[in-house]
């Protein structure tokens, strides 16, 4: 969405900006995992899901720094 609309789409509210920021942490970690697994997207997602277990995405975003590649 940033490529299409720039940053204005999320500047309308603080909650939108926070939501976006949390999700981007997860996305960046996913790309990092893909790089460490020769671009295997499925493996990266499985590792994140296993780390997350039954917890929510907010928990994952808040603790993703602890997740080692």
C-alpha atoms as a PDB file:
ATOM      1  CA  UNK A   1       0.000   0.000   0.000  1.00  0.00           C
ATOM      2  CA  UNK A   2       2.927   2.305   0.593  1.00  0.00           C
ATOM      3  CA  UNK A   3       3.975   1.951  -3.039  1.00  0.00           C
ATOM      4  CA  UNK A   4       0.518   2.841  -4.277  1.00  0.00           C
ATOM      5  CA  UNK A   5      -0.648   5.456  -1.756  1.00  0.00           C
ATOM      6  CA  UNK A   6       2.507   6.533   0.075  1.00  0.00           C
ATOM      7  CA  UNK A   7       2.266   7.006   3.829  1.00  0.00           C
ATOM      8  CA  UNK A   8      -0.855   9.193   3.787  1.00  0.00           C
ATOM      9  CA  UNK A   9      -3.200   6.200   3.933  1.00  0.00           C
ATOM     10  CA  UNK A  10      -2.079   5.405   7.485  1.00  0.00           C
ATOM     11  CA  UNK A  11      -1.656   8.911   8.809  1.00  0.00           C
ATOM     12  CA  UNK A  12      -5.387   9.338   9.387  1.00  0.00           C
ATOM     13  CA  UNK A  13      -5.202   7.701  12.805  1.00  0.00           C
ATOM     14  CA  UNK A  14      -2.617   6.619  15.322  1.00  0.00           C
ATOM     15  CA  UNK A  15      -4.143   3.141  15.528  1.00  0.00           C
ATOM     16  CA  UNK A  16      -3.686   2.588  11.778  1.00  0.00           C
ATOM     17  CA  UNK A  17      -0.046   3.584  12.028  1.00  0.00           C
ATOM     18  CA  UNK A  18       0.515   1.288  15.024  1.00  0.00           C
ATOM     19  CA  UNK A  19      -1.251  -1.608  13.304  1.00  0.00           C
ATOM     20  CA  UNK A  20       0.919  -1.146  10.214  1.00  0.00           C
ATOM     21  CA  UNK A  21       4.089  -0.933  12.285  1.00  0.00           C
ATOM     22  CA  UNK A  22       3.308  -4.167  14.107  1.00  0.00           C
ATOM     23  CA  UNK A  23       2.576  -6.037  10.901  1.00  0.00           C
ATOM     24  CA  UNK A  24       5.733  -4.764   9.222  1.00  0.00           C
ATOM     25  CA  UNK A  25       7.853  -6.270  12.018  1.00  0.00           C
ATOM     26  CA  UNK A  26       6.337  -9.656  11.217  1.00  0.00           C
ATOM     27  CA  UNK A  27       6.764  -9.224   7.461  1.00  0.00           C
ATOM     28  CA  UNK A  28      10.415  -8.205   7.831  1.00  0.00           C
ATOM     29  CA  UNK A  29      11.137 -11.213  10.039  1.00  0.00           C
ATOM     30  CA  UNK A  30       9.436 -13.420   7.441  1.00  0.00           C
ATOM     31  CA  UNK A  31      11.737 -12.103   4.716  1.00  0.00           C
ATOM     32  CA  UNK A  32      14.727 -12.622   7.014  1.00  0.00           C
ATOM     33  CA  UNK A  33      13.668 -16.226   7.583  1.00  0.00           C
ATOM     34  CA  UNK A  34      13.151 -16.761   3.858  1.00  0.00           C
ATOM     35  CA  UNK A  35      16.685 -15.546   3.200  1.00  0.00           C
ATOM     36  CA  UNK A  36      18.074 -17.985   5.745  1.00  0.00           C
ATOM     37  CA  UNK A  37      16.109 -20.868   4.179  1.00  0.00           C
ATOM     38  CA  UNK A  38      17.016 -20.279   0.522  1.00  0.00           C
ATOM     39  CA  UNK A  39      13.824 -18.376  -0.220  1.00  0.00           C
ATOM     40  CA  UNK A  40      11.482 -21.046   1.117  1.00  0.00           C
ATOM     41  CA  UNK A  41       8.371 -19.034   1.978  1.00  0.00           C
ATOM     42  CA  UNK A  42       6.490 -22.004   3.399  1.00  0.00           C
ATOM     43  CA  UNK A  43       9.326 -22.839   5.812  1.00  0.00           C
ATOM     44  CA  UNK A  44       9.504 -19.220   6.998  1.00  0.00           C
ATOM     45  CA  UNK A  45       5.761 -19.128   7.679  1.00  0.00           C
ATOM     46  CA  UNK A  46       5.842 -22.472   9.471  1.00  0.00           C
ATOM     47  CA  UNK A  47       8.658 -21.281  11.752  1.00  0.00           C
ATOM     48  CA  UNK A  48       6.792 -18.076  12.620  1.00  0.00           C
ATOM     49  CA  UNK A  49       3.557 -19.963  13.255  1.00  0.00           C
ATOM     50  CA  UNK A  50       5.345 -22.478  15.476  1.00  0.00           C
ATOM     51  CA  UNK A  51       6.964 -19.662  17.474  1.00  0.00           C
ATOM     52  CA  UNK A  52       3.624 -17.880  17.755  1.00  0.00           C
ATOM     53  CA  UNK A  53       1.824 -21.062  18.809  1.00  0.00           C
ATOM     54  CA  UNK A  54      -1.729 -20.123  19.894  1.00  0.00           C
ATOM     55  CA  UNK A  55      -0.886 -16.492  20.682  1.00  0.00           C
ATOM     56  CA  UNK A  56      -2.108 -13.489  18.739  1.00  0.00           C
ATOM     57  CA  UNK A  57      -0.345 -11.473  16.081  1.00  0.00           C
ATOM     58  CA  UNK A  58       0.128  -8.588  18.505  1.00  0.00           C
ATOM     59  CA  UNK A  59       2.097 -10.879  20.819  1.00  0.00           C
ATOM     60  CA  UNK A  60       4.182 -12.054  17.866  1.00  0.00           C
ATOM     61  CA  UNK A  61       4.932  -8.494  16.825  1.00  0.00           C
ATOM     62  CA  UNK A  62       5.879  -7.500  20.362  1.00  0.00           C
ATOM     63  CA  UNK A  63       8.209 -10.474  20.914  1.00  0.00           C
ATOM     64  CA  UNK A  64       9.576 -11.093  17.429  1.00  0.00           C
ATOM     65  CA  UNK A  65      12.992  -9.685  18.357  1.00  0.00           C
ATOM     66  CA  UNK A  66      13.478 -12.721  20.609  1.00  0.00           C
ATOM     67  CA  UNK A  67      12.924 -15.092  17.695  1.00  0.00           C
ATOM     68  CA  UNK A  68      16.245 -16.348  16.358  1.00  0.00           C
ATOM     69  CA  UNK A  69      16.690 -17.161  12.716  1.00  0.00           C
END
